[in-house]
């Protein structure tokens, strides 16, 4: 599903990633752990095509050579094959839960009725059917994060990238979110790559990769 070889990333003179190699199989749940500044988020953003490596030998996602895509093709690939879950939800405050979930589907020029139907099904699956018309400021932290999960799933992506997804949640909500990832894997077969400081979540994953000083150790 993901094959990355010899990834380097510089910001000016600072080398953040120092030749990272990574292979992830389809439907695998992989946790990336390590101290702050180890390069975890930078690696996640490169794997998720939100950033570009300074250099790399290989970057294949679902057999697509990411290095060969121009910006327009890359945006389309990201929209249809990749889902993102961020620590701070990144929900648009002026839109309802339903509208937030639908946005990636609308960007992909999918049928409005079909996208809304699928969004309602996802929100129902995530126990949010009675909250679909609420805006983010009317939802709890855990509810906002589940809306973000639904948004990440709306285009049926192959891979979900999550950056500290439970970082702002209480213990109970964190545990529920962690269990949800495994339920989603069983239901939809997606691959999950999760950057986390939460050792409970990391230890639940199929594999735990530790980063230090820009390398996987």
Protein backbone atom coordinates (compact mmCIF):
# COMPACT_ATOMS: atom_id res chain seq x y z
CA UNK A 1 0.00 0.00 0.00
CA UNK A 2 2.83 2.42 0.89
CA UNK A 3 6.44 2.06 -0.16
CA UNK A 4 8.80 4.89 0.76
CA UNK A 5 12.57 4.66 0.42
CA UNK A 6 15.33 7.06 1.44
CA UNK A 7 13.12 10.05 2.22
CA UNK A 8 15.03 13.21 3.10
CA UNK A 9 13.49 16.53 4.11
CA UNK A 10 15.36 19.77 4.73
CA UNK A 11 14.02 23.07 5.99
CA UNK A 12 16.87 25.39 5.11
CA UNK A 13 19.97 23.88 6.69
CA UNK A 14 17.95 21.72 9.09
CA UNK A 15 17.60 18.08 8.03
CA UNK A 16 14.34 16.85 9.55
CA UNK A 17 14.13 13.45 7.83
CA UNK A 18 17.39 11.57 7.30
CA UNK A 19 16.75 8.76 4.86
CA UNK A 20 13.50 7.17 6.07
CA UNK A 21 12.42 3.79 4.67
CA UNK A 22 8.87 2.61 5.24
CA UNK A 23 6.69 -0.22 3.89
CA UNK A 24 3.05 -0.51 4.98
CA UNK A 25 0.66 -3.24 3.87
CA UNK A 26 -2.99 -2.86 2.88
CA UNK A 27 -5.41 -2.74 5.86
CA UNK A 28 -2.53 -2.48 8.32
CA UNK A 29 -2.80 -0.13 11.31
CA UNK A 30 0.61 1.38 11.98
CA UNK A 31 1.45 3.75 14.83
CA UNK A 32 4.43 6.11 14.61
CA UNK A 33 5.79 7.21 17.98
CA UNK A 34 8.74 9.18 19.26
CA UNK A 35 9.68 12.40 21.01
CA UNK A 36 8.64 15.85 19.78
CA UNK A 37 10.90 17.01 16.97
CA UNK A 38 11.67 13.47 15.78
CA UNK A 39 10.09 14.14 12.38
CA UNK A 40 6.83 12.20 12.83
CA UNK A 41 4.44 14.87 11.56
CA UNK A 42 6.76 15.82 8.70
CA UNK A 43 6.86 12.17 7.60
CA UNK A 44 3.07 11.90 7.85
CA UNK A 45 2.58 15.03 5.75
CA UNK A 46 4.94 13.71 3.06
CA UNK A 47 3.28 10.29 3.00
CA UNK A 48 -0.09 12.05 2.81
CA UNK A 49 1.12 14.24 -0.10
CA UNK A 50 0.54 17.46 1.87
CA UNK A 51 4.28 18.18 1.66
CA UNK A 52 7.03 17.05 -0.70
CA UNK A 53 10.32 15.42 0.25
CA UNK A 54 13.52 17.26 -0.56
CA UNK A 55 14.62 13.98 -2.12
CA UNK A 56 13.61 10.32 -2.09
CA UNK A 57 14.31 7.18 -4.09
CA UNK A 58 10.74 5.85 -4.00
CA UNK A 59 7.31 7.07 -2.89
CA UNK A 60 4.53 4.73 -4.00
CA UNK A 61 0.99 4.87 -2.62
CA UNK A 62 -1.41 2.18 -3.80
CA UNK A 63 1.00 1.51 -6.72
CA UNK A 64 0.92 5.17 -7.82
CA UNK A 65 4.29 6.88 -8.19
CA UNK A 66 3.69 10.13 -6.30
CA UNK A 67 6.87 11.70 -7.70
CA UNK A 68 5.40 11.57 -11.22
CA UNK A 69 2.20 13.52 -10.41
CA UNK A 70 1.86 17.23 -11.16
CA UNK A 71 0.10 19.47 -8.65
CA UNK A 72 -3.36 19.06 -10.20
CA UNK A 73 -3.07 15.27 -10.44
CA UNK A 74 -1.70 15.16 -6.91
CA UNK A 75 -4.67 17.12 -5.54
CA UNK A 76 -7.10 14.76 -7.28
CA UNK A 77 -5.23 11.70 -6.02
CA UNK A 78 -5.24 13.07 -2.46
CA UNK A 79 -8.96 13.84 -2.57
CA UNK A 80 -9.97 10.39 -3.78
CA UNK A 81 -7.41 8.05 -2.17
CA UNK A 82 -6.39 9.68 1.13
CA UNK A 83 -8.27 10.75 4.25
CA UNK A 84 -6.90 12.92 7.05
CA UNK A 85 -7.75 13.19 10.74
CA UNK A 86 -6.04 16.00 12.63
CA UNK A 87 -5.64 16.73 16.33
CA UNK A 88 -7.67 19.95 16.14
CA UNK A 89 -10.49 18.55 13.96
CA UNK A 90 -10.14 21.33 11.32
CA UNK A 91 -13.93 21.53 10.99
CA UNK A 92 -15.31 24.65 9.33
CA UNK A 93 -17.25 26.50 12.05
CA UNK A 94 -19.90 28.01 9.77
CA UNK A 95 -21.06 24.60 8.48
CA UNK A 96 -23.07 21.84 10.15
CA UNK A 97 -21.68 18.38 10.87
CA UNK A 98 -23.37 17.06 7.73
CA UNK A 99 -22.00 19.87 5.57
CA UNK A 100 -18.47 19.42 6.93
CA UNK A 101 -18.55 15.71 6.09
CA UNK A 102 -19.85 16.38 2.57
CA UNK A 103 -17.17 18.89 1.55
CA UNK A 104 -14.55 16.39 0.21
CA UNK A 105 -17.27 14.67 -1.80
CA UNK A 106 -18.37 17.96 -3.34
CA UNK A 107 -14.74 18.83 -4.16
CA UNK A 108 -14.56 15.49 -6.03
CA UNK A 109 -17.61 16.60 -8.10
CA UNK A 110 -19.69 13.68 -6.89
CA UNK A 111 -23.48 13.74 -6.92
CA UNK A 112 -24.80 16.04 -4.18
CA UNK A 113 -27.61 13.66 -3.26
CA UNK A 114 -25.30 10.64 -3.19
CA UNK A 115 -22.71 12.41 -1.05
CA UNK A 116 -25.32 13.62 1.43
CA UNK A 117 -26.83 10.12 1.63
CA UNK A 118 -23.43 8.56 2.34
CA UNK A 119 -22.57 11.30 4.85
CA UNK A 120 -25.77 10.59 6.79
CA UNK A 121 -24.96 6.87 6.78
CA UNK A 122 -21.46 7.54 8.14
CA UNK A 123 -22.71 9.90 10.83
CA UNK A 124 -25.33 7.33 11.82
CA UNK A 125 -22.62 4.64 11.97
CA UNK A 126 -20.65 6.96 14.27
CA UNK A 127 -23.70 7.54 16.53
CA UNK A 128 -24.12 11.13 15.37
CA UNK A 129 -27.44 10.88 13.52
CA UNK A 130 -29.07 13.26 16.01
CA UNK A 131 -26.27 15.83 15.61
CA UNK A 132 -26.06 16.21 11.83
CA UNK A 133 -27.48 19.73 11.80
CA UNK A 134 -25.34 20.99 14.68
CA UNK A 135 -22.34 23.24 14.06
CA UNK A 136 -18.94 22.40 15.59
CA UNK A 137 -19.35 24.79 18.55
CA UNK A 138 -22.48 22.84 19.51
CA UNK A 139 -20.61 19.51 19.64
CA UNK A 140 -18.35 17.99 22.29
CA UNK A 141 -14.68 17.35 21.52
CA UNK A 142 -15.34 13.67 20.97
CA UNK A 143 -18.28 14.41 18.67
CA UNK A 144 -16.21 16.87 16.65
CA UNK A 145 -13.50 14.26 16.20
CA UNK A 146 -16.04 11.67 15.02
CA UNK A 147 -17.33 14.20 12.48
CA UNK A 148 -13.73 14.60 11.32
CA UNK A 149 -13.48 10.81 10.99
CA UNK A 150 -16.65 10.74 8.87
CA UNK A 151 -15.25 13.51 6.68
CA UNK A 152 -12.04 11.51 6.20
CA UNK A 153 -14.09 8.48 5.10
CA UNK A 154 -16.60 10.13 2.74
CA UNK A 155 -14.67 9.45 -0.47
CA UNK A 156 -13.84 5.87 0.58
CA UNK A 157 -10.07 6.48 0.68
CA UNK A 158 -7.52 3.70 0.65
CA UNK A 159 -5.50 5.21 3.49
CA UNK A 160 -6.32 7.28 6.57
CA UNK A 161 -3.52 9.42 8.02
CA UNK A 162 -4.12 10.62 11.58
CA UNK A 163 -1.92 13.13 13.42
CA UNK A 164 -2.40 12.96 17.21
CA UNK A 165 -6.12 12.19 16.69
CA UNK A 166 -6.86 11.80 20.40
CA UNK A 167 -4.53 14.55 21.60
CA UNK A 168 -7.36 16.85 22.72
CA UNK A 169 -9.78 14.20 23.98
CA UNK A 170 -10.48 12.95 27.49
CA UNK A 171 -9.59 9.39 28.41
CA UNK A 172 -12.99 7.87 27.63
CA UNK A 173 -13.31 9.66 24.28
CA UNK A 174 -9.73 8.67 23.39
CA UNK A 175 -10.43 5.02 24.06
CA UNK A 176 -13.64 5.15 22.02
CA UNK A 177 -11.78 6.75 19.11
CA UNK A 178 -9.01 4.16 19.25
CA UNK A 179 -11.52 1.30 19.18
CA UNK A 180 -13.33 3.02 16.33
CA UNK A 181 -10.24 2.82 14.11
CA UNK A 182 -10.24 -0.96 14.40
CA UNK A 183 -13.99 -1.15 13.78
CA UNK A 184 -13.53 0.95 10.64
CA UNK A 185 -10.68 -1.26 9.45
CA UNK A 186 -12.92 -4.31 9.79
CA UNK A 187 -15.85 -2.61 8.02
CA UNK A 188 -14.10 -0.68 5.26
CA UNK A 189 -10.66 -2.35 4.98
CA UNK A 190 -8.72 0.91 5.13
CA UNK A 191 -5.05 1.30 6.01
CA UNK A 192 -4.31 3.58 8.98
CA UNK A 193 -1.06 5.42 9.68
CA UNK A 194 -1.27 7.20 13.03
CA UNK A 195 1.20 9.58 14.66
CA UNK A 196 0.56 9.52 18.39
CA UNK A 197 2.01 10.11 21.83
CA UNK A 198 -0.73 7.89 23.26
CA UNK A 199 0.97 4.61 24.16
CA UNK A 200 -2.34 2.82 24.64
CA UNK A 201 -3.25 3.50 21.01
CA UNK A 202 0.28 2.74 19.80
CA UNK A 203 0.30 -0.62 21.56
CA UNK A 204 -3.06 -1.54 19.99
CA UNK A 205 -1.69 -1.09 16.47
CA UNK A 206 -0.53 -3.94 14.26
CA UNK A 207 2.94 -2.36 14.25
CA UNK A 208 4.58 0.40 16.25
CA UNK A 209 7.41 2.33 14.59
CA UNK A 210 9.62 4.58 16.69
CA UNK A 211 11.24 7.68 15.27
CA UNK A 212 14.22 9.51 16.69
CA UNK A 213 16.29 12.31 15.17
CA UNK A 214 14.69 12.01 11.74
CA UNK A 215 14.99 8.23 11.39
CA UNK A 216 12.94 5.14 12.15
CA UNK A 217 14.87 3.13 14.71
